[in-house]
Amino acid sequence: MRAAMEPSPAPAPQRTQYRITLFYGPEPVTADPPQTQCVFNVKKRSWKAGVQIAVPLLDTELARVRVAIGIQTWLASLLAAVPDPDRESYEARAGDLVTQALCELKLQLALEAGLSQENQRLDAGAWSAELAGAAVAAAERIKTQILTALDVPG
């Protein structure tokens, strides 16, 4: 007779279909309305080669989502301990990291909707409503990524 049943091992984490790597950005885009974009290399497991996808965010969308996740207040308290001469560079880097994270979230939404295997630029206004909800859900992960990249105690 067996002793007490051992719990079954946790299921292996599901491997993502895509490997996403930041290629460059954020950078401003000359457009009306004003936009900022990041470009990612995207490789799907079933694709023979990867593609580059430009992911623009409307500046108004970026500002709205930053408010929704409370990033400004959080950054201000986080960087309060950073010496004044260094604070500006930390703030700029943190701003870039937030933008990169939000661009990647928008890219994830686009990938879930289905993208073809070709270099492309997403529409700046696409997935705006969905991005806000995804950002709120991912806010803690985004903050953790920023803490790690800045190497500032949280």
Protein backbone atom coordinates (compact mmCIF):
# COMPACT_ATOMS: atom_id res chain seq x y z
CA MET A 1 0.00 0.00 0.00
CA ARG A 2 1.27 3.47 -0.89
CA ALA A 3 1.82 6.06 1.75
CA ALA A 4 0.12 9.41 1.41
CA MET A 5 -0.22 10.56 -2.16
CA GLU A 6 2.46 13.01 -3.16
CA PRO A 7 1.24 16.08 -4.94
CA SER A 8 1.72 15.93 -8.65
CA PRO A 9 4.53 18.11 -9.92
CA ALA A 10 3.57 21.53 -11.19
CA PRO A 11 2.94 21.55 -14.92
CA ALA A 12 5.82 22.78 -17.01
CA PRO A 13 5.39 26.39 -18.02
CA GLN A 14 3.97 26.75 -21.49
CA ARG A 15 6.59 27.95 -23.98
CA THR A 16 5.68 31.09 -25.77
CA GLN A 17 5.21 30.89 -29.53
CA TYR A 18 7.24 34.05 -30.08
CA ARG A 19 10.70 35.25 -29.18
CA ILE A 20 10.59 39.04 -28.94
CA THR A 21 13.72 41.15 -28.72
CA LEU A 22 13.90 44.93 -28.58
CA PHE A 23 15.79 46.10 -31.67
CA TYR A 24 15.77 49.82 -30.87
CA GLY A 25 13.72 52.57 -29.31
CA PRO A 26 11.93 54.38 -28.05
CA GLU A 27 12.29 57.15 -30.56
CA PRO A 28 9.96 59.96 -31.61
CA VAL A 29 8.15 59.57 -34.91
CA THR A 30 7.48 62.55 -37.12
CA ALA A 31 3.74 62.17 -37.49
CA ASP A 32 0.49 63.86 -36.70
CA PRO A 33 -0.61 63.14 -34.03
CA PRO A 34 2.79 62.87 -32.23
CA GLN A 35 4.02 59.32 -31.65
CA THR A 36 6.88 57.36 -30.14
CA GLN A 37 7.87 53.92 -31.39
CA CYS A 38 10.01 50.91 -30.59
CA VAL A 39 11.10 48.31 -33.13
CA PHE A 40 11.22 44.64 -32.18
CA ASN A 41 12.65 41.54 -33.77
CA VAL A 42 9.96 38.86 -33.64
CA LYS A 43 10.49 35.19 -34.34
CA LYS A 44 7.67 32.69 -34.20
CA ARG A 45 8.70 29.09 -33.56
CA SER A 46 7.15 27.93 -36.83
CA TRP A 47 8.70 30.71 -38.94
CA LYS A 48 11.95 30.11 -40.81
CA ALA A 49 13.11 33.66 -40.06
CA GLY A 50 12.17 36.56 -37.85
CA VAL A 51 10.67 39.89 -38.81
CA GLN A 52 10.97 43.45 -37.59
CA ILE A 53 7.83 45.09 -36.29
CA ALA A 54 7.63 48.80 -35.49
CA VAL A 55 5.22 49.49 -32.64
CA PRO A 56 4.12 53.11 -32.34
CA LEU A 57 2.30 54.63 -29.39
CA LEU A 58 0.40 57.89 -29.68
CA ASP A 59 1.93 60.32 -27.19
CA THR A 60 -1.55 60.89 -25.72
CA GLU A 61 -2.00 57.13 -25.33
CA LEU A 62 1.40 56.83 -23.64
CA ALA A 63 0.55 59.62 -21.18
CA ARG A 64 -2.89 58.12 -20.42
CA VAL A 65 -1.51 54.64 -19.72
CA ARG A 66 1.32 56.02 -17.56
CA VAL A 67 -1.35 57.71 -15.39
CA ALA A 68 -3.49 54.54 -15.32
CA ILE A 69 -0.62 52.48 -13.88
CA GLY A 70 0.55 55.24 -11.52
CA ILE A 71 4.08 55.17 -12.85
CA GLN A 72 4.96 58.85 -12.21
CA THR A 73 4.18 58.72 -8.49
CA TRP A 74 5.92 55.39 -8.13
CA LEU A 75 9.03 56.64 -9.96
CA ALA A 76 9.15 59.83 -7.90
CA SER A 77 9.20 57.86 -4.65
CA LEU A 78 11.62 55.30 -6.07
CA LEU A 79 14.11 57.90 -7.29
CA ALA A 80 13.82 60.20 -4.25
CA ALA A 81 16.89 58.49 -2.74
CA VAL A 82 18.98 58.92 -5.90
CA PRO A 83 21.47 61.82 -5.59
CA ASP A 84 20.35 64.96 -7.47
CA PRO A 85 23.14 64.90 -10.08
CA ASP A 86 22.13 61.36 -11.13
CA ARG A 87 18.35 61.63 -10.83
CA GLU A 88 17.75 63.15 -14.27
CA SER A 89 19.50 60.30 -16.09
CA TYR A 90 17.61 57.72 -13.99
CA GLU A 91 14.31 59.44 -14.81
CA ALA A 92 15.10 59.46 -18.53
CA ARG A 93 16.11 55.79 -18.50
CA ALA A 94 12.99 54.87 -16.51
CA GLY A 95 10.83 56.73 -19.04
CA ASP A 96 12.43 54.76 -21.88
CA LEU A 97 11.87 51.49 -20.01
CA VAL A 98 8.18 52.28 -19.46
CA THR A 99 7.72 53.11 -23.13
CA GLN A 100 9.51 49.93 -24.20
CA ALA A 101 7.32 47.84 -21.89
CA LEU A 102 4.13 49.45 -23.21
CA CYS A 103 5.23 48.99 -26.83
CA GLU A 104 5.91 45.34 -26.11
CA LEU A 105 2.47 44.94 -24.53
CA LYS A 106 0.89 46.45 -27.64
CA LEU A 107 2.96 44.07 -29.77
CA GLN A 108 1.72 41.12 -27.69
CA LEU A 109 -1.88 42.22 -28.32
CA ALA A 110 -1.18 42.40 -32.05
CA LEU A 111 0.46 38.97 -32.06
CA GLU A 112 -2.51 37.47 -30.23
CA ALA A 113 -4.77 38.95 -32.92
CA GLY A 114 -2.56 37.39 -35.59
CA LEU A 115 0.19 39.00 -37.63
CA SER A 116 1.67 37.88 -40.91
CA GLN A 117 5.33 36.97 -41.23
CA GLU A 118 6.53 40.22 -42.76
CA ASN A 119 8.32 43.37 -41.66
CA GLN A 120 5.65 45.86 -40.73
CA ARG A 121 4.57 48.87 -38.72
CA LEU A 122 1.50 48.60 -36.56
CA ASP A 123 -1.15 51.29 -36.76
CA ALA A 124 -0.52 53.83 -34.00
CA GLY A 125 -4.14 53.87 -32.87
CA ALA A 126 -4.65 50.11 -32.84
CA TRP A 127 -5.26 48.31 -29.56
CA SER A 128 -5.40 51.54 -27.53
CA ALA A 129 -8.31 50.46 -25.35
CA GLU A 130 -6.87 46.98 -24.84
CA LEU A 131 -3.43 48.39 -24.02
CA ALA A 132 -4.71 50.29 -21.01
CA GLY A 133 -6.22 47.13 -19.50
CA ALA A 134 -3.14 45.04 -20.30
CA ALA A 135 -0.88 47.68 -18.74
CA VAL A 136 -2.90 47.81 -15.52
CA ALA A 137 -2.75 44.00 -15.32
CA ALA A 138 1.03 44.04 -15.96
CA ALA A 139 1.87 47.10 -13.82
CA GLU A 140 3.75 45.18 -11.13
CA ARG A 141 5.77 43.25 -13.70
CA ILE A 142 6.65 46.50 -15.49
CA LYS A 143 7.77 48.08 -12.21
CA THR A 144 9.88 45.03 -11.37
CA GLN A 145 11.56 45.22 -14.79
CA ILE A 146 12.36 48.89 -14.18
CA LEU A 147 13.78 48.16 -10.73
CA THR A 148 15.99 45.46 -12.19
CA ALA A 149 17.21 47.57 -15.12
CA LEU A 150 17.91 50.66 -12.98
CA ASP A 151 19.44 48.64 -10.14
CA VAL A 152 17.71 50.84 -7.59
CA PRO A 153 16.41 49.29 -4.36
CA GLY A 154 12.62 49.13 -4.37
